[in-house]
């Protein structure tokens, strides 16, 4: 198995697990010191990252992947983040894989719809 294939497979498994709410599987994919930076916050370490993913997972309905590109240890996934509280948010997710685990994640999207949805639902 090549590094490119394993990085791509890690990303595919990550998104399937997140959509299914399978955080035990997600835990096994993330490096202990995973570094996450996104439009709604930052996290350092597996437990912080999972807490953030669980929070958004409470309103997650679907991850509609449009394209995934993998090159070496880098994977970019372009998808619509579909939630119960906002219109779909076009989202870019970059992951860096090291030693067979997801070590860095960067996510960008326009968070205004989600923030408005969260405000209305609380």
C-alpha atoms as a PDB file:
ATOM      1  CA  UNK A   1       0.000   0.000   0.000  1.00  0.00           C
ATOM      2  CA  UNK A   2       1.432   3.395  -0.942  1.00  0.00           C
ATOM      3  CA  UNK A   3       1.522   6.446   1.303  1.00  0.00           C
ATOM      4  CA  UNK A   4      -0.875   8.189  -1.092  1.00  0.00           C
ATOM      5  CA  UNK A   5      -3.363   5.335  -0.897  1.00  0.00           C
ATOM      6  CA  UNK A   6      -3.179   5.125   2.879  1.00  0.00           C
ATOM      7  CA  UNK A   7      -3.582   8.901   3.304  1.00  0.00           C
ATOM      8  CA  UNK A   8      -6.602   8.864   0.985  1.00  0.00           C
ATOM      9  CA  UNK A   9      -8.072   5.850   2.776  1.00  0.00           C
ATOM     10  CA  UNK A  10      -7.581   7.555   6.146  1.00  0.00           C
ATOM     11  CA  UNK A  11      -9.474  10.604   4.879  1.00  0.00           C
ATOM     12  CA  UNK A  12     -12.275   8.457   3.447  1.00  0.00           C
ATOM     13  CA  UNK A  13     -12.599   6.522   6.700  1.00  0.00           C
ATOM     14  CA  UNK A  14     -12.483   9.760   8.752  1.00  0.00           C
ATOM     15  CA  UNK A  15     -15.396  11.299   6.866  1.00  0.00           C
ATOM     16  CA  UNK A  16     -17.470   8.094   6.857  1.00  0.00           C
ATOM     17  CA  UNK A  17     -16.935   7.706  10.611  1.00  0.00           C
ATOM     18  CA  UNK A  18     -17.778  11.349  11.335  1.00  0.00           C
ATOM     19  CA  UNK A  19     -20.966  11.163   9.280  1.00  0.00           C
ATOM     20  CA  UNK A  20     -21.954   7.968  11.138  1.00  0.00           C
ATOM     21  CA  UNK A  21     -21.071   9.407  14.558  1.00  0.00           C
ATOM     22  CA  UNK A  22     -18.463   6.663  15.025  1.00  0.00           C
ATOM     23  CA  UNK A  23     -16.012   8.520  17.249  1.00  0.00           C
ATOM     24  CA  UNK A  24     -14.235   5.350  18.372  1.00  0.00           C
ATOM     25  CA  UNK A  25     -13.123   4.775  14.777  1.00  0.00           C
ATOM     26  CA  UNK A  26     -12.170   8.437  14.450  1.00  0.00           C
ATOM     27  CA  UNK A  27     -10.037   8.233  17.603  1.00  0.00           C
ATOM     28  CA  UNK A  28      -7.982   5.462  16.004  1.00  0.00           C
ATOM     29  CA  UNK A  29      -7.302   7.600  12.909  1.00  0.00           C
ATOM     30  CA  UNK A  30      -5.967  10.660  14.728  1.00  0.00           C
ATOM     31  CA  UNK A  31      -2.430  11.164  15.996  1.00  0.00           C
ATOM     32  CA  UNK A  32      -2.221  11.748  19.750  1.00  0.00           C
ATOM     33  CA  UNK A  33      -1.013  15.309  19.082  1.00  0.00           C
ATOM     34  CA  UNK A  34      -3.319  16.051  16.147  1.00  0.00           C
ATOM     35  CA  UNK A  35      -3.472  19.769  15.412  1.00  0.00           C
ATOM     36  CA  UNK A  36      -6.842  21.103  14.171  1.00  0.00           C
ATOM     37  CA  UNK A  37      -7.580  24.626  12.958  1.00  0.00           C
ATOM     38  CA  UNK A  38     -10.979  25.474  11.503  1.00  0.00           C
ATOM     39  CA  UNK A  39     -13.516  28.215  10.977  1.00  0.00           C
ATOM     40  CA  UNK A  40     -15.219  27.472  14.313  1.00  0.00           C
ATOM     41  CA  UNK A  41     -12.183  26.845  16.486  1.00  0.00           C
ATOM     42  CA  UNK A  42      -8.921  25.074  17.154  1.00  0.00           C
ATOM     43  CA  UNK A  43      -7.993  21.881  18.956  1.00  0.00           C
ATOM     44  CA  UNK A  44      -4.775  20.216  20.024  1.00  0.00           C
ATOM     45  CA  UNK A  45      -4.752  16.511  20.762  1.00  0.00           C
ATOM     46  CA  UNK A  46      -7.187  13.714  20.081  1.00  0.00           C
ATOM     47  CA  UNK A  47      -9.693  14.456  22.845  1.00  0.00           C
ATOM     48  CA  UNK A  48     -10.015  18.170  22.000  1.00  0.00           C
ATOM     49  CA  UNK A  49     -10.408  17.370  18.302  1.00  0.00           C
ATOM     50  CA  UNK A  50     -13.050  14.732  18.990  1.00  0.00           C
ATOM     51  CA  UNK A  51     -14.943  17.104  21.294  1.00  0.00           C
ATOM     52  CA  UNK A  52     -15.199  19.649  18.490  1.00  0.00           C
ATOM     53  CA  UNK A  53     -16.257  17.028  15.969  1.00  0.00           C
ATOM     54  CA  UNK A  54     -18.867  15.685  18.387  1.00  0.00           C
ATOM     55  CA  UNK A  55     -20.249  19.188  18.890  1.00  0.00           C
ATOM     56  CA  UNK A  56     -20.750  19.779  15.189  1.00  0.00           C
ATOM     57  CA  UNK A  57     -21.835  16.154  14.839  1.00  0.00           C
ATOM     58  CA  UNK A  58     -24.941  16.941  16.888  1.00  0.00           C
ATOM     59  CA  UNK A  59     -26.375  18.878  13.921  1.00  0.00           C
ATOM     60  CA  UNK A  60     -24.553  17.052  11.101  1.00  0.00           C
ATOM     61  CA  UNK A  61     -26.903  15.463   8.590  1.00  0.00           C
ATOM     62  CA  UNK A  62     -24.623  14.635   5.687  1.00  0.00           C
ATOM     63  CA  UNK A  63     -21.152  15.165   4.273  1.00  0.00           C
ATOM     64  CA  UNK A  64     -21.617  15.473   0.527  1.00  0.00           C
ATOM     65  CA  UNK A  65     -18.110  14.934  -0.878  1.00  0.00           C
ATOM     66  CA  UNK A  66     -17.569  16.584  -4.246  1.00  0.00           C
ATOM     67  CA  UNK A  67     -13.914  15.676  -4.795  1.00  0.00           C
ATOM     68  CA  UNK A  68     -10.951  14.284  -2.882  1.00  0.00           C
ATOM     69  CA  UNK A  69      -7.362  14.765  -4.013  1.00  0.00           C
ATOM     70  CA  UNK A  70      -4.435  12.934  -2.438  1.00  0.00           C
ATOM     71  CA  UNK A  71      -0.756  13.472  -3.052  1.00  0.00           C
ATOM     72  CA  UNK A  72       1.731  11.735  -0.807  1.00  0.00           C
ATOM     73  CA  UNK A  73       0.821  12.447   2.799  1.00  0.00           C
ATOM     74  CA  UNK A  74      -1.565  15.295   1.910  1.00  0.00           C
ATOM     75  CA  UNK A  75      -5.312  14.985   1.252  1.00  0.00           C
ATOM     76  CA  UNK A  76      -7.769  17.712   0.327  1.00  0.00           C
ATOM     77  CA  UNK A  77     -11.489  16.989   0.460  1.00  0.00           C
ATOM     78  CA  UNK A  78     -14.025  19.441  -0.987  1.00  0.00           C
ATOM     79  CA  UNK A  79     -17.536  18.833   0.327  1.00  0.00           C
ATOM     80  CA  UNK A  80     -20.857  20.368   1.296  1.00  0.00           C
ATOM     81  CA  UNK A  81     -21.317  20.316   5.067  1.00  0.00           C
ATOM     82  CA  UNK A  82     -25.044  19.643   5.465  1.00  0.00           C
ATOM     83  CA  UNK A  83     -26.532  20.351   8.890  1.00  0.00           C
ATOM     84  CA  UNK A  84     -29.945  20.604  10.494  1.00  0.00           C
ATOM     85  CA  UNK A  85     -29.440  24.285  11.358  1.00  0.00           C
ATOM     86  CA  UNK A  86     -28.077  25.912   8.178  1.00  0.00           C
ATOM     87  CA  UNK A  87     -27.935  25.642   4.404  1.00  0.00           C
ATOM     88  CA  UNK A  88     -25.129  23.407   3.074  1.00  0.00           C
ATOM     89  CA  UNK A  89     -21.724  25.024   3.574  1.00  0.00           C
ATOM     90  CA  UNK A  90     -19.130  24.452   0.821  1.00  0.00           C
ATOM     91  CA  UNK A  91     -16.064  23.296   2.764  1.00  0.00           C
ATOM     92  CA  UNK A  92     -12.405  22.538   2.093  1.00  0.00           C
ATOM     93  CA  UNK A  93     -10.563  20.153   4.418  1.00  0.00           C
ATOM     94  CA  UNK A  94      -6.801  19.563   4.228  1.00  0.00           C
ATOM     95  CA  UNK A  95      -5.204  16.723   6.153  1.00  0.00           C
ATOM     96  CA  UNK A  96      -1.570  15.819   6.657  1.00  0.00           C
ATOM     97  CA  UNK A  97      -0.781  12.211   7.524  1.00  0.00           C
ATOM     98  CA  UNK A  98       2.330  11.208   9.473  1.00  0.00           C
ATOM     99  CA  UNK A  99       3.249   7.720  10.673  1.00  0.00           C
ATOM    100  CA  UNK A 100      -0.102   6.328   9.504  1.00  0.00           C
ATOM    101  CA  UNK A 101      -2.247   8.801  11.470  1.00  0.00           C
ATOM    102  CA  UNK A 102      -3.930  12.112  10.708  1.00  0.00           C
ATOM    103  CA  UNK A 103      -1.575  14.672  12.251  1.00  0.00           C
ATOM    104  CA  UNK A 104      -2.873  18.045  10.988  1.00  0.00           C
ATOM    105  CA  UNK A 105      -6.282  19.201   9.814  1.00  0.00           C
ATOM    106  CA  UNK A 106      -7.180  22.591   8.400  1.00  0.00           C
ATOM    107  CA  UNK A 107     -10.787  23.382   7.493  1.00  0.00           C
ATOM    108  CA  UNK A 108     -12.190  26.453   5.822  1.00  0.00           C
ATOM    109  CA  UNK A 109     -15.755  27.505   5.041  1.00  0.00           C
ATOM    110  CA  UNK A 110     -18.044  30.464   5.602  1.00  0.00           C
ATOM    111  CA  UNK A 111     -19.378  29.838   9.137  1.00  0.00           C
ATOM    112  CA  UNK A 112     -22.079  32.554   9.150  1.00  0.00           C
ATOM    113  CA  UNK A 113     -24.963  30.192   8.330  1.00  0.00           C
ATOM    114  CA  UNK A 114     -23.976  27.756  11.058  1.00  0.00           C
ATOM    115  CA  UNK A 115     -23.458  30.498  13.621  1.00  0.00           C
ATOM    116  CA  UNK A 116     -26.887  31.951  12.823  1.00  0.00           C
ATOM    117  CA  UNK A 117     -28.426  28.470  13.002  1.00  0.00           C
ATOM    118  CA  UNK A 118     -26.804  27.758  16.357  1.00  0.00           C
ATOM    119  CA  UNK A 119     -28.033  31.122  17.722  1.00  0.00           C
ATOM    120  CA  UNK A 120     -31.611  30.426  16.616  1.00  0.00           C
ATOM    121  CA  UNK A 121     -31.648  26.901  18.059  1.00  0.00           C
ATOM    122  CA  UNK A 122     -30.397  27.884  21.534  1.00  0.00           C
END
